Amino acid sequence: EQIVESLRQGNKIEAIKEYRELTGSGLKESKEAIEALIQKY
């Protein structure tokens, strides 16, 4: 929910960082996941 809120505030880079910390994913996977969240919501 915090990641989605960061996106709604226009903080895409912060959302990617938060996603990486949460999941342990790499940069590419995190960026793709954030892009998917942007489209989903």
Full PDB file with SEQRES, HELIX, SHEET, SSBOND, CRYST1, ORIGX, SCALE, CONECT and MASTER records, all heavy atoms in Angstrom:
SEQRES   1 A   41  GLU GLN ILE VAL GLU SER LEU ARG GLN GLY ASN LYS ILE          
SEQRES   2 A   41  GLU ALA ILE LYS GLU TYR ARG GLU LEU THR GLY SER GLY          
SEQRES   3 A   41  LEU LYS GLU SER LYS GLU ALA ILE GLU ALA LEU ILE GLN          
SEQRES   4 A   41  LYS TYR                                                      
HELIX    1 AA1 GLN A    2  ARG A    8  1                                   7    
HELIX    2 AA2 LYS A   12  THR A   23  1                                  12    
HELIX    3 AA3 LEU A   27  LYS A   40  1                                  14    
CRYST1    1.000    1.000    1.000  90.00  90.00  90.00 P 1           1          
ORIGX1      1.000000  0.000000  0.000000        0.00000                         
ORIGX2      0.000000  1.000000  0.000000        0.00000                         
ORIGX3      0.000000  0.000000  1.000000        0.00000                         
SCALE1      1.000000  0.000000  0.000000        0.00000                         
SCALE2      0.000000  1.000000  0.000000        0.00000                         
SCALE3      0.000000  0.000000  1.000000        0.00000                         
ATOM      1  N   GLU A   1       0.837  -1.202   0.000  1.00  0.00           N  
ATOM      2  CA  GLU A   1       0.000   0.000   0.000  1.00  0.00           C  
ATOM      3  C   GLU A   1       0.872   1.251   0.000  1.00  0.00           C  
ATOM      4  O   GLU A   1       0.555   2.233  -0.680  1.00  0.00           O  
ATOM      5  CB  GLU A   1      -0.927  -0.002   1.210  1.00  0.00           C  
ATOM      6  CG  GLU A   1      -2.036  -1.026   1.115  1.00  0.00           C  
ATOM      7  CD  GLU A   1      -2.843  -1.155   2.404  1.00  0.00           C  
ATOM      8  OE1 GLU A   1      -2.512  -0.483   3.405  1.00  0.00           O  
ATOM      9  OE2 GLU A   1      -3.805  -1.942   2.408  1.00  0.00           O  
ATOM     10  N   GLN A   2       1.983   1.219   0.724  1.00  0.00           N  
ATOM     11  CA  GLN A   2       2.910   2.355   0.760  1.00  0.00           C  
ATOM     12  C   GLN A   2       3.557   2.556  -0.611  1.00  0.00           C  
ATOM     13  O   GLN A   2       3.744   3.685  -1.067  1.00  0.00           O  
ATOM     14  CB  GLN A   2       3.986   2.134   1.833  1.00  0.00           C  
ATOM     15  CG  GLN A   2       5.032   3.236   1.876  1.00  0.00           C  
ATOM     16  CD  GLN A   2       4.452   4.603   2.150  1.00  0.00           C  
ATOM     17  OE1 GLN A   2       3.595   4.749   3.012  1.00  0.00           O  
ATOM     18  NE2 GLN A   2       4.902   5.610   1.429  1.00  0.00           N  
ATOM     19  N   ILE A   3       3.877   1.460  -1.273  1.00  0.00           N  
ATOM     20  CA  ILE A   3       4.473   1.545  -2.610  1.00  0.00           C  
ATOM     21  C   ILE A   3       3.486   2.189  -3.589  1.00  0.00           C  
ATOM     22  O   ILE A   3       3.852   3.089  -4.354  1.00  0.00           O  
ATOM     23  CB  ILE A   3       4.909   0.149  -3.097  1.00  0.00           C  
ATOM     24  CG1 ILE A   3       6.119  -0.321  -2.272  1.00  0.00           C  
ATOM     25  CG2 ILE A   3       5.223   0.146  -4.586  1.00  0.00           C  
ATOM     26  CD1 ILE A   3       6.490  -1.771  -2.470  1.00  0.00           C  
ATOM     27  N   VAL A   4       2.238   1.757  -3.553  1.00  0.00           N  
ATOM     28  CA  VAL A   4       1.211   2.340  -4.434  1.00  0.00           C  
ATOM     29  C   VAL A   4       1.017   3.815  -4.104  1.00  0.00           C  
ATOM     30  O   VAL A   4       0.880   4.649  -5.010  1.00  0.00           O  
ATOM     31  CB  VAL A   4      -0.116   1.555  -4.330  1.00  0.00           C  
ATOM     32  CG1 VAL A   4      -1.232   2.260  -5.072  1.00  0.00           C  
ATOM     33  CG2 VAL A   4       0.068   0.134  -4.860  1.00  0.00           C  
ATOM     34  N   GLU A   5       1.051   4.165  -2.822  1.00  0.00           N  
ATOM     35  CA  GLU A   5       0.907   5.569  -2.429  1.00  0.00           C  
ATOM     36  C   GLU A   5       2.081   6.397  -2.946  1.00  0.00           C  
ATOM     37  O   GLU A   5       1.901   7.521  -3.411  1.00  0.00           O  
ATOM     38  CB  GLU A   5       0.794   5.695  -0.907  1.00  0.00           C  
ATOM     39  CG  GLU A   5       0.555   7.103  -0.423  1.00  0.00           C  
ATOM     40  CD  GLU A   5      -0.717   7.737  -0.973  1.00  0.00           C  
ATOM     41  OE1 GLU A   5      -1.710   7.021  -1.232  1.00  0.00           O  
ATOM     42  OE2 GLU A   5      -0.726   8.975  -1.158  1.00  0.00           O  
ATOM     43  N   SER A   6       3.291   5.846  -2.893  1.00  0.00           N  
ATOM     44  CA  SER A   6       4.460   6.538  -3.447  1.00  0.00           C  
ATOM     45  C   SER A   6       4.261   6.807  -4.933  1.00  0.00           C  
ATOM     46  O   SER A   6       4.589   7.887  -5.424  1.00  0.00           O  
ATOM     47  CB  SER A   6       5.731   5.709  -3.229  1.00  0.00           C  
ATOM     48  OG  SER A   6       6.070   5.652  -1.872  1.00  0.00           O  
ATOM     49  N   LEU A   7       3.712   5.819  -5.640  1.00  0.00           N  
ATOM     50  CA  LEU A   7       3.451   6.000  -7.072  1.00  0.00           C  
ATOM     51  C   LEU A   7       2.421   7.088  -7.306  1.00  0.00           C  
ATOM     52  O   LEU A   7       2.578   7.911  -8.217  1.00  0.00           O  
ATOM     53  CB  LEU A   7       2.977   4.686  -7.691  1.00  0.00           C  
ATOM     54  CG  LEU A   7       4.038   3.605  -7.837  1.00  0.00           C  
ATOM     55  CD1 LEU A   7       3.403   2.296  -8.263  1.00  0.00           C  
ATOM     56  CD2 LEU A   7       5.101   4.039  -8.829  1.00  0.00           C  
ATOM     57  N   ARG A   8       1.372   7.101  -6.509  1.00  0.00           N  
ATOM     58  CA  ARG A   8       0.328   8.124  -6.673  1.00  0.00           C  
ATOM     59  C   ARG A   8       0.863   9.523  -6.419  1.00  0.00           C  
ATOM     60  O   ARG A   8       0.330  10.495  -6.937  1.00  0.00           O  
ATOM     61  CB  ARG A   8      -0.842   7.815  -5.748  1.00  0.00           C  
ATOM     62  CG  ARG A   8      -1.642   6.626  -6.229  1.00  0.00           C  
ATOM     63  CD  ARG A   8      -2.925   6.430  -5.466  1.00  0.00           C  
ATOM     64  NE  ARG A   8      -3.699   5.382  -6.100  1.00  0.00           N  
ATOM     65  CZ  ARG A   8      -4.179   4.320  -5.465  1.00  0.00           C  
ATOM     66  NH1 ARG A   8      -4.002   4.196  -4.169  1.00  0.00           N  
ATOM     67  NH2 ARG A   8      -4.860   3.413  -6.117  1.00  0.00           N  
ATOM     68  N   GLN A   9       1.919   9.625  -5.619  1.00  0.00           N  
ATOM     69  CA  GLN A   9       2.542  10.919  -5.346  1.00  0.00           C  
ATOM     70  C   GLN A   9       3.611  11.259  -6.385  1.00  0.00           C  
ATOM     71  O   GLN A   9       4.246  12.296  -6.304  1.00  0.00           O  
ATOM     72  CB  GLN A   9       3.157  10.921  -3.947  1.00  0.00           C  
ATOM     73  CG  GLN A   9       2.127  10.830  -2.845  1.00  0.00           C  
ATOM     74  CD  GLN A   9       2.751  10.711  -1.470  1.00  0.00           C  
ATOM     75  OE1 GLN A   9       3.969  10.718  -1.311  1.00  0.00           O  
ATOM     76  NE2 GLN A   9       1.920  10.615  -0.456  1.00  0.00           N  
ATOM     77  N   GLY A  10       3.792  10.375  -7.366  1.00  0.00           N  
ATOM     78  CA  GLY A  10       4.745  10.632  -8.433  1.00  0.00           C  
ATOM     79  C   GLY A  10       6.166  10.200  -8.113  1.00  0.00           C  
ATOM     80  O   GLY A  10       7.096  10.560  -8.825  1.00  0.00           O  
ATOM     81  N   ASN A  11       6.354   9.400  -7.060  1.00  0.00           N  
ATOM     82  CA  ASN A  11       7.693   8.972  -6.639  1.00  0.00           C  
ATOM     83  C   ASN A  11       8.003   7.570  -7.146  1.00  0.00           C  
ATOM     84  O   ASN A  11       8.089   6.613  -6.375  1.00  0.00           O  
ATOM     85  CB  ASN A  11       7.810   9.023  -5.112  1.00  0.00           C  
ATOM     86  CG  ASN A  11       7.625  10.408  -4.570  1.00  0.00           C  
ATOM     87  OD1 ASN A  11       8.043  11.378  -5.178  1.00  0.00           O  
ATOM     88  ND2 ASN A  11       6.983  10.508  -3.423  1.00  0.00           N  
ATOM     89  N   LYS A  12       8.191   7.453  -8.436  1.00  0.00           N  
ATOM     90  CA  LYS A  12       8.420   6.145  -9.053  1.00  0.00           C  
ATOM     91  C   LYS A  12       9.730   5.518  -8.573  1.00  0.00           C  
ATOM     92  O   LYS A  12       9.771   4.325  -8.262  1.00  0.00           O  
ATOM     93  CB  LYS A  12       8.428   6.289 -10.574  1.00  0.00           C  
ATOM     94  CG  LYS A  12       8.548   4.996 -11.319  1.00  0.00           C  
ATOM     95  CD  LYS A  12       8.443   5.258 -12.816  1.00  0.00           C  
ATOM     96  CE  LYS A  12       8.629   4.012 -13.619  1.00  0.00           C  
ATOM     97  NZ  LYS A  12       8.538   4.281 -15.066  1.00  0.00           N  
ATOM     98  N   ILE A  13      10.777   6.308  -8.483  1.00  0.00           N  
ATOM     99  CA  ILE A  13      12.069   5.780  -8.044  1.00  0.00           C  
ATOM    100  C   ILE A  13      11.989   5.281  -6.609  1.00  0.00           C  
ATOM    101  O   ILE A  13      12.501   4.206  -6.278  1.00  0.00           O  
ATOM    102  CB  ILE A  13      13.180   6.837  -8.220  1.00  0.00           C  
ATOM    103  CG1 ILE A  13      13.394   7.104  -9.708  1.00  0.00           C  
ATOM    104  CG2 ILE A  13      14.477   6.386  -7.564  1.00  0.00           C  
ATOM    105  CD1 ILE A  13      14.321   8.239 -10.019  1.00  0.00           C  
ATOM    106  N   GLU A  14      11.324   6.039  -5.754  1.00  0.00           N  
ATOM    107  CA  GLU A  14      11.146   5.619  -4.360  1.00  0.00           C  
ATOM    108  C   GLU A  14      10.345   4.320  -4.295  1.00  0.00           C  
ATOM    109  O   GLU A  14      10.660   3.429  -3.507  1.00  0.00           O  
ATOM    110  CB  GLU A  14      10.441   6.714  -3.556  1.00  0.00           C  
ATOM    111  CG  GLU A  14      10.319   6.416  -2.089  1.00  0.00           C  
ATOM    112  CD  GLU A  14      11.647   6.298  -1.376  1.00  0.00           C  
ATOM    113  OE1 GLU A  14      12.638   6.931  -1.773  1.00  0.00           O  
ATOM    114  OE2 GLU A  14      11.697   5.522  -0.399  1.00  0.00           O  
ATOM    115  N   ALA A  15       9.332   4.188  -5.131  1.00  0.00           N  
ATOM    116  CA  ALA A  15       8.522   2.971  -5.164  1.00  0.00           C  
ATOM    117  C   ALA A  15       9.363   1.764  -5.578  1.00  0.00           C  
ATOM    118  O   ALA A  15       9.222   0.682  -5.013  1.00  0.00           O  
ATOM    119  CB  ALA A  15       7.337   3.155  -6.105  1.00  0.00           C  
ATOM    120  N   ILE A  16      10.247   1.956  -6.545  1.00  0.00           N  
ATOM    121  CA  ILE A  16      11.135   0.870  -6.982  1.00  0.00           C  
ATOM    122  C   ILE A  16      12.057   0.464  -5.838  1.00  0.00           C  
ATOM    123  O   ILE A  16      12.248  -0.733  -5.574  1.00  0.00           O  
ATOM    124  CB  ILE A  16      11.938   1.280  -8.229  1.00  0.00           C  
ATOM    125  CG1 ILE A  16      10.996   1.440  -9.435  1.00  0.00           C  
ATOM    126  CG2 ILE A  16      13.034   0.257  -8.533  1.00  0.00           C  
ATOM    127  CD1 ILE A  16      11.638   2.051 -10.658  1.00  0.00           C  
ATOM    128  N   LYS A  17      12.620   1.440  -5.131  1.00  0.00           N  
ATOM    129  CA  LYS A  17      13.488   1.138  -3.985  1.00  0.00           C  
ATOM    130  C   LYS A  17      12.727   0.357  -2.917  1.00  0.00           C  
ATOM    131  O   LYS A  17      13.228  -0.635  -2.387  1.00  0.00           O  
ATOM    132  CB  LYS A  17      14.033   2.429  -3.367  1.00  0.00           C  
ATOM    133  CG  LYS A  17      15.068   3.123  -4.203  1.00  0.00           C  
ATOM    134  CD  LYS A  17      15.512   4.397  -3.499  1.00  0.00           C  
ATOM    135  CE  LYS A  17      16.449   5.219  -4.329  1.00  0.00           C  
ATOM    136  NZ  LYS A  17      16.824   6.477  -3.657  1.00  0.00           N  
ATOM    137  N   GLU A  18      11.517   0.815  -2.603  1.00  0.00           N  
ATOM    138  CA  GLU A  18      10.703   0.146  -1.589  1.00  0.00           C  
ATOM    139  C   GLU A  18      10.374  -1.282  -2.018  1.00  0.00           C  
ATOM    140  O   GLU A  18      10.419  -2.206  -1.203  1.00  0.00           O  
ATOM    141  CB  GLU A  18       9.418   0.931  -1.333  1.00  0.00           C  
ATOM    142  CG  GLU A  18       9.654   2.262  -0.652  1.00  0.00           C  
ATOM    143  CD  GLU A  18       8.400   3.131  -0.601  1.00  0.00           C  
ATOM    144  OE1 GLU A  18       7.349   2.727  -1.139  1.00  0.00           O  
ATOM    145  OE2 GLU A  18       8.476   4.219  -0.009  1.00  0.00           O  
ATOM    146  N   TYR A  19      10.057  -1.472  -3.285  1.00  0.00           N  
ATOM    147  CA  TYR A  19       9.733  -2.801  -3.795  1.00  0.00           C  
ATOM    148  C   TYR A  19      10.941  -3.728  -3.692  1.00  0.00           C  
ATOM    149  O   TYR A  19      10.818  -4.888  -3.300  1.00  0.00           O  
ATOM    150  CB  TYR A  19       9.239  -2.714  -5.242  1.00  0.00           C  
ATOM    151  CG  TYR A  19       8.721  -4.028  -5.760  1.00  0.00           C  
ATOM    152  CD1 TYR A  19       7.400  -4.394  -5.566  1.00  0.00           C  
ATOM    153  CD2 TYR A  19       9.558  -4.919  -6.438  1.00  0.00           C  
ATOM    154  CE1 TYR A  19       6.907  -5.615  -6.023  1.00  0.00           C  
ATOM    155  CE2 TYR A  19       9.098  -6.135  -6.893  1.00  0.00           C  
ATOM    156  CZ  TYR A  19       7.777  -6.481  -6.679  1.00  0.00           C  
ATOM    157  OH  TYR A  19       7.313  -7.697  -7.126  1.00  0.00           O  
ATOM    158  N   ARG A  20      12.117  -3.210  -4.031  1.00  0.00           N  
ATOM    159  CA  ARG A  20      13.336  -4.015  -3.949  1.00  0.00           C  
ATOM    160  C   ARG A  20      13.611  -4.452  -2.522  1.00  0.00           C  
ATOM    161  O   ARG A  20      13.984  -5.600  -2.276  1.00  0.00           O  
ATOM    162  CB  ARG A  20      14.537  -3.230  -4.483  1.00  0.00           C  
ATOM    163  CG  ARG A  20      14.499  -3.050  -5.990  1.00  0.00           C  
ATOM    164  CD  ARG A  20      15.750  -2.405  -6.500  1.00  0.00           C  
ATOM    165  NE  ARG A  20      16.826  -3.400  -6.454  1.00  0.00           N  
ATOM    166  CZ  ARG A  20      18.095  -3.139  -6.705  1.00  0.00           C  
ATOM    167  NH1 ARG A  20      18.472  -1.917  -6.984  1.00  0.00           N  
ATOM    168  NH2 ARG A  20      18.996  -4.090  -6.659  1.00  0.00           N  
ATOM    169  N   GLU A  21      13.424  -3.520  -1.574  1.00  0.00           N  
ATOM    170  CA  GLU A  21      13.641  -3.853  -0.169  1.00  0.00           C  
ATOM    171  C   GLU A  21      12.634  -4.898   0.310  1.00  0.00           C  
ATOM    172  O   GLU A  21      12.983  -5.804   1.058  1.00  0.00           O  
ATOM    173  CB  GLU A  21      13.532  -2.600   0.703  1.00  0.00           C  
ATOM    174  CG  GLU A  21      14.680  -1.641   0.519  1.00  0.00           C  
ATOM    175  CD  GLU A  21      14.493  -0.337   1.270  1.00  0.00           C  
ATOM    176  OE1 GLU A  21      13.536  -0.214   2.063  1.00  0.00           O  
ATOM    177  OE2 GLU A  21      15.300   0.576   1.054  1.00  0.00           O  
ATOM    178  N   LEU A  22      11.397  -4.768  -0.128  1.00  0.00           N  
ATOM    179  CA  LEU A  22      10.340  -5.671   0.308  1.00  0.00           C  
ATOM    180  C   LEU A  22      10.536  -7.081  -0.237  1.00  0.00           C  
ATOM    181  O   LEU A  22      10.392  -8.060   0.488  1.00  0.00           O  
ATOM    182  CB  LEU A  22       8.971  -5.128  -0.135  1.00  0.00           C  
ATOM    183  CG  LEU A  22       7.762  -6.000   0.181  1.00  0.00           C  
ATOM    184  CD1 LEU A  22       7.571  -6.106   1.695  1.00  0.00           C  
ATOM    185  CD2 LEU A  22       6.521  -5.422  -0.468  1.00  0.00           C  
ATOM    186  N   THR A  23      10.875  -7.179  -1.517  1.00  0.00           N  
ATOM    187  CA  THR A  23      10.906  -8.480  -2.181  1.00  0.00           C  
ATOM    188  C   THR A  23      12.301  -9.074  -2.347  1.00  0.00           C  
ATOM    189  O   THR A  23      12.425 -10.275  -2.569  1.00  0.00           O  
ATOM    190  CB  THR A  23      10.274  -8.378  -3.579  1.00  0.00           C  
ATOM    191  OG1 THR A  23      11.069  -7.500  -4.388  1.00  0.00           O  
ATOM    192  CG2 THR A  23       8.841  -7.877  -3.503  1.00  0.00           C  
ATOM    193  N   GLY A  24      13.321  -8.226  -2.296  1.00  0.00           N  
ATOM    194  CA  GLY A  24      14.672  -8.714  -2.559  1.00  0.00           C  
ATOM    195  C   GLY A  24      14.933  -8.900  -4.045  1.00  0.00           C  
ATOM    196  O   GLY A  24      15.929  -9.492  -4.441  1.00  0.00           O  
ATOM    197  N   SER A  25      14.050  -8.396  -4.894  1.00  0.00           N  
ATOM    198  CA  SER A  25      14.196  -8.509  -6.350  1.00  0.00           C  
ATOM    199  C   SER A  25      15.291  -7.590  -6.854  1.00  0.00           C  
ATOM    200  O   SER A  25      15.653  -6.612  -6.206  1.00  0.00           O  
ATOM    201  CB  SER A  25      12.880  -8.136  -7.041  1.00  0.00           C  
ATOM    202  OG  SER A  25      11.853  -9.011  -6.670  1.00  0.00           O  
ATOM    203  N   GLY A  26      15.764  -7.881  -8.051  1.00  0.00           N  
ATOM    204  CA  GLY A  26      16.750  -7.041  -8.695  1.00  0.00           C  
ATOM    205  C   GLY A  26      16.104  -5.781  -9.258  1.00  0.00           C  
ATOM    206  O   GLY A  26      14.877  -5.621  -9.234  1.00  0.00           O  
ATOM    207  N   LEU A  27      16.931  -4.890  -9.771  1.00  0.00           N  
ATOM    208  CA  LEU A  27      16.453  -3.618 -10.295  1.00  0.00           C  
ATOM    209  C   LEU A  27      15.495  -3.809 -11.468  1.00  0.00           C  
ATOM    210  O   LEU A  27      14.419  -3.208 -11.514  1.00  0.00           O  
ATOM    211  CB  LEU A  27      17.635  -2.738 -10.707  1.00  0.00           C  
ATOM    212  CG  LEU A  27      17.305  -1.370 -11.266  1.00  0.00           C  
ATOM    213  CD1 LEU A  27      16.518  -0.552 -10.246  1.00  0.00           C  
ATOM    214  CD2 LEU A  27      18.567  -0.632 -11.665  1.00  0.00           C  
ATOM    215  N   LYS A  28      15.868  -4.660 -12.423  1.00  0.00           N  
ATOM    216  CA  LYS A  28      15.028  -4.861 -13.609  1.00  0.00           C  
ATOM    217  C   LYS A  28      13.663  -5.432 -13.230  1.00  0.00           C  
ATOM    218  O   LYS A  28      12.626  -4.942 -13.691  1.00  0.00           O  
ATOM    219  CB  LYS A  28      15.723  -5.798 -14.590  1.00  0.00           C  
ATOM    220  CG  LYS A  28      14.932  -6.043 -15.853  1.00  0.00           C  
ATOM    221  CD  LYS A  28      15.634  -6.985 -16.792  1.00  0.00           C  
ATOM    222  CE  LYS A  28      14.764  -7.213 -18.019  1.00  0.00           C  
ATOM    223  NZ  LYS A  28      15.286  -8.252 -18.879  1.00  0.00           N  
ATOM    224  N   GLU A  29      13.661  -6.461 -12.381  1.00  0.00           N  
ATOM    225  CA  GLU A  29      12.407  -7.086 -11.968  1.00  0.00           C  
ATOM    226  C   GLU A  29      11.542  -6.098 -11.191  1.00  0.00           C  
ATOM    227  O   GLU A  29      10.322  -6.050 -11.359  1.00  0.00           O  
ATOM    228  CB  GLU A  29      12.673  -8.325 -11.114  1.00  0.00           C  
ATOM    229  CG  GLU A  29      13.346  -9.462 -11.872  1.00  0.00           C  
ATOM    230  CD  GLU A  29      14.848  -9.307 -11.992  1.00  0.00           C  
ATOM    231  OE1 GLU A  29      15.435  -8.417 -11.332  1.00  0.00           O  
ATOM    232  OE2 GLU A  29      15.444 -10.066 -12.777  1.00  0.00           O  
ATOM    233  N   SER A  30      12.172  -5.301 -10.343  1.00  0.00           N  
ATOM    234  CA  SER A  30      11.433  -4.321  -9.544  1.00  0.00           C  
ATOM    235  C   SER A  30      10.814  -3.250 -10.432  1.00  0.00           C  
ATOM    236  O   SER A  30       9.661  -2.867 -10.246  1.00  0.00           O  
ATOM    237  CB  SER A  30      12.356  -3.682  -8.501  1.00  0.00           C  
ATOM    238  OG  SER A  30      12.816  -4.664  -7.605  1.00  0.00           O  
ATOM    239  N   LYS A  31      11.590  -2.764 -11.408  1.00  0.00           N  
ATOM    240  CA  LYS A  31      11.080  -1.748 -12.327  1.00  0.00           C  
ATOM    241  C   LYS A  31       9.882  -2.290 -13.110  1.00  0.00           C  
ATOM    242  O   LYS A  31       8.867  -1.606 -13.262  1.00  0.00           O  
ATOM    243  CB  LYS A  31      12.168  -1.294 -13.286  1.00  0.00           C  
ATOM    244  CG  LYS A  31      11.738  -0.179 -14.222  1.00  0.00           C  
ATOM    245  CD  LYS A  31      12.883   0.224 -15.141  1.00  0.00           C  
ATOM    246  CE  LYS A  31      12.474   1.317 -16.086  1.00  0.00           C  
ATOM    247  NZ  LYS A  31      11.471   0.919 -17.075  1.00  0.00           N  
ATOM    248  N   GLU A  32       9.985  -3.535 -13.570  1.00  0.00           N  
ATOM    249  CA  GLU A  32       8.879  -4.141 -14.311  1.00  0.00           C  
ATOM    250  C   GLU A  32       7.645  -4.314 -13.427  1.00  0.00           C  
ATOM    251  O   GLU A  32       6.514  -4.087 -13.875  1.00  0.00           O  
ATOM    252  CB  GLU A  32       9.319  -5.484 -14.896  1.00  0.00           C  
ATOM    253  CG  GLU A  32      10.334  -5.335 -16.013  1.00  0.00           C  
ATOM    254  CD  GLU A  32      10.954  -6.654 -16.454  1.00  0.00           C  
ATOM    255  OE1 GLU A  32      10.711  -7.703 -15.789  1.00  0.00           O  
ATOM    256  OE2 GLU A  32      11.692  -6.657 -17.447  1.00  0.00           O  
ATOM    257  N   ALA A  33       7.853  -4.695 -12.175  1.00  0.00           N  
ATOM    258  CA  ALA A  33       6.736  -4.872 -11.249  1.00  0.00           C  
ATOM    259  C   ALA A  33       6.053  -3.530 -10.975  1.00  0.00           C  
ATOM    260  O   ALA A  33       4.818  -3.454 -10.915  1.00  0.00           O  
ATOM    261  CB  ALA A  33       7.223  -5.499  -9.949  1.00  0.00           C  
ATOM    262  N   ILE A  34       6.850  -2.473 -10.825  1.00  0.00           N  
ATOM    263  CA  ILE A  34       6.296  -1.141 -10.580  1.00  0.00           C  
ATOM    264  C   ILE A  34       5.527  -0.664 -11.807  1.00  0.00           C  
ATOM    265  O   ILE A  34       4.441  -0.094 -11.690  1.00  0.00           O  
ATOM    266  CB  ILE A  34       7.401  -0.145 -10.172  1.00  0.00           C  
ATOM    267  CG1 ILE A  34       7.982  -0.539  -8.806  1.00  0.00           C  
ATOM    268  CG2 ILE A  34       6.892   1.282 -10.185  1.00  0.00           C  
ATOM    269  CD1 ILE A  34       6.985  -0.566  -7.662  1.00  0.00           C  
ATOM    270  N   GLU A  35       6.061  -0.927 -12.992  1.00  0.00           N  
ATOM    271  CA  GLU A  35       5.346  -0.572 -14.224  1.00  0.00           C  
ATOM    272  C   GLU A  35       4.001  -1.293 -14.280  1.00  0.00           C  
ATOM    273  O   GLU A  35       2.984  -0.712 -14.688  1.00  0.00           O  
ATOM    274  CB  GLU A  35       6.181  -0.917 -15.458  1.00  0.00           C  
ATOM    275  CG  GLU A  35       7.427  -0.085 -15.640  1.00  0.00           C  
ATOM    276  CD  GLU A  35       7.142   1.367 -15.992  1.00  0.00           C  
ATOM    277  OE1 GLU A  35       6.051   1.665 -16.515  1.00  0.00           O  
ATOM    278  OE2 GLU A  35       8.013   2.206 -15.738  1.00  0.00           O  
ATOM    279  N   ALA A  36       3.979  -2.556 -13.861  1.00  0.00           N  
ATOM    280  CA  ALA A  36       2.729  -3.318 -13.843  1.00  0.00           C  
ATOM    281  C   ALA A  36       1.734  -2.726 -12.844  1.00  0.00           C  
ATOM    282  O   ALA A  36       0.538  -2.649 -13.120  1.00  0.00           O  
ATOM    283  CB  ALA A  36       3.018  -4.782 -13.508  1.00  0.00           C  
ATOM    284  N   LEU A  37       2.234  -2.280 -11.679  1.00  0.00           N  
ATOM    285  CA  LEU A  37       1.356  -1.644 -10.693  1.00  0.00           C  
ATOM    286  C   LEU A  37       0.781  -0.339 -11.228  1.00  0.00           C  
ATOM    287  O   LEU A  37      -0.386  -0.030 -11.002  1.00  0.00           O  
ATOM    288  CB  LEU A  37       2.117  -1.371  -9.389  1.00  0.00           C  
ATOM    289  CG  LEU A  37       2.392  -2.567  -8.495  1.00  0.00           C  
ATOM    290  CD1 LEU A  37       3.265  -2.162  -7.311  1.00  0.00           C  
ATOM    291  CD2 LEU A  37       1.092  -3.188  -8.000  1.00  0.00           C  
ATOM    292  N   ILE A  38       1.599   0.419 -11.947  1.00  0.00           N  
ATOM    293  CA  ILE A  38       1.147   1.678 -12.536  1.00  0.00           C  
ATOM    294  C   ILE A  38      -0.011   1.410 -13.503  1.00  0.00           C  
ATOM    295  O   ILE A  38      -1.021   2.107 -13.488  1.00  0.00           O  
ATOM    296  CB  ILE A  38       2.306   2.410 -13.244  1.00  0.00           C  
ATOM    297  CG1 ILE A  38       3.300   2.936 -12.209  1.00  0.00           C  
ATOM    298  CG2 ILE A  38       1.796   3.537 -14.142  1.00  0.00           C  
ATOM    299  CD1 ILE A  38       4.608   3.441 -12.789  1.00  0.00           C  
ATOM    300  N   GLN A  39       0.131   0.374 -14.314  1.00  0.00           N  
ATOM    301  CA  GLN A  39      -0.936   0.030 -15.257  1.00  0.00           C  
ATOM    302  C   GLN A  39      -2.150  -0.538 -14.534  1.00  0.00           C  
ATOM    303  O   GLN A  39      -3.289  -0.190 -14.864  1.00  0.00           O  
ATOM    304  CB  GLN A  39      -0.419  -0.966 -16.285  1.00  0.00           C  
ATOM    305  CG  GLN A  39       0.560  -0.348 -17.250  1.00  0.00           C  
ATOM    306  CD  GLN A  39       1.057  -1.331 -18.287  1.00  0.00           C  
ATOM    307  OE1 GLN A  39       0.713  -2.511 -18.269  1.00  0.00           O  
ATOM    308  NE2 GLN A  39       1.876  -0.850 -19.205  1.00  0.00           N  
ATOM    309  N   LYS A  40      -1.927  -1.411 -13.552  1.00  0.00           N  
ATOM    310  CA  LYS A  40      -3.030  -2.047 -12.835  1.00  0.00           C  
ATOM    311  C   LYS A  40      -3.918  -1.018 -12.146  1.00  0.00           C  
ATOM    312  O   LYS A  40      -5.140  -1.090 -12.203  1.00  0.00           O  
ATOM    313  CB  LYS A  40      -2.476  -3.019 -11.796  1.00  0.00           C  
ATOM    314  CG  LYS A  40      -3.542  -3.704 -10.965  1.00  0.00           C  
ATOM    315  CD  LYS A  40      -2.930  -4.649  -9.956  1.00  0.00           C  
ATOM    316  CE  LYS A  40      -4.010  -5.289  -9.102  1.00  0.00           C  
ATOM    317  NZ  LYS A  40      -3.451  -6.219  -8.122  1.00  0.00           N  
ATOM    318  N   TYR A  41      -3.292  -0.056 -11.473  1.00  0.00           N  
ATOM    319  CA  TYR A  41      -4.053   0.959 -10.739  1.00  0.00           C  
ATOM    320  C   TYR A  41      -4.290   2.221 -11.555  1.00  0.00           C  
ATOM    321  O   TYR A  41      -4.819   3.197 -11.039  1.00  0.00           O  
ATOM    322  CB  TYR A  41      -3.331   1.291  -9.426  1.00  0.00           C  
ATOM    323  CG  TYR A  41      -3.350   0.139  -8.459  1.00  0.00           C  
ATOM    324  CD1 TYR A  41      -2.214  -0.629  -8.247  1.00  0.00           C  
ATOM    325  CD2 TYR A  41      -4.501  -0.188  -7.758  1.00  0.00           C  
ATOM    326  CE1 TYR A  41      -2.226  -1.697  -7.358  1.00  0.00           C  
ATOM    327  CE2 TYR A  41      -4.522  -1.251  -6.872  1.00  0.00           C  
ATOM    328  CZ  TYR A  41      -3.378  -2.006  -6.675  1.00  0.00           C  
ATOM    329  OH  TYR A  41      -3.398  -3.059  -5.806  1.00  0.00           O  
TER     330      TYR A  41                                                      
MASTER        0    0    0    3    0    0    0    6  329    1    0    4          
END                                                                             
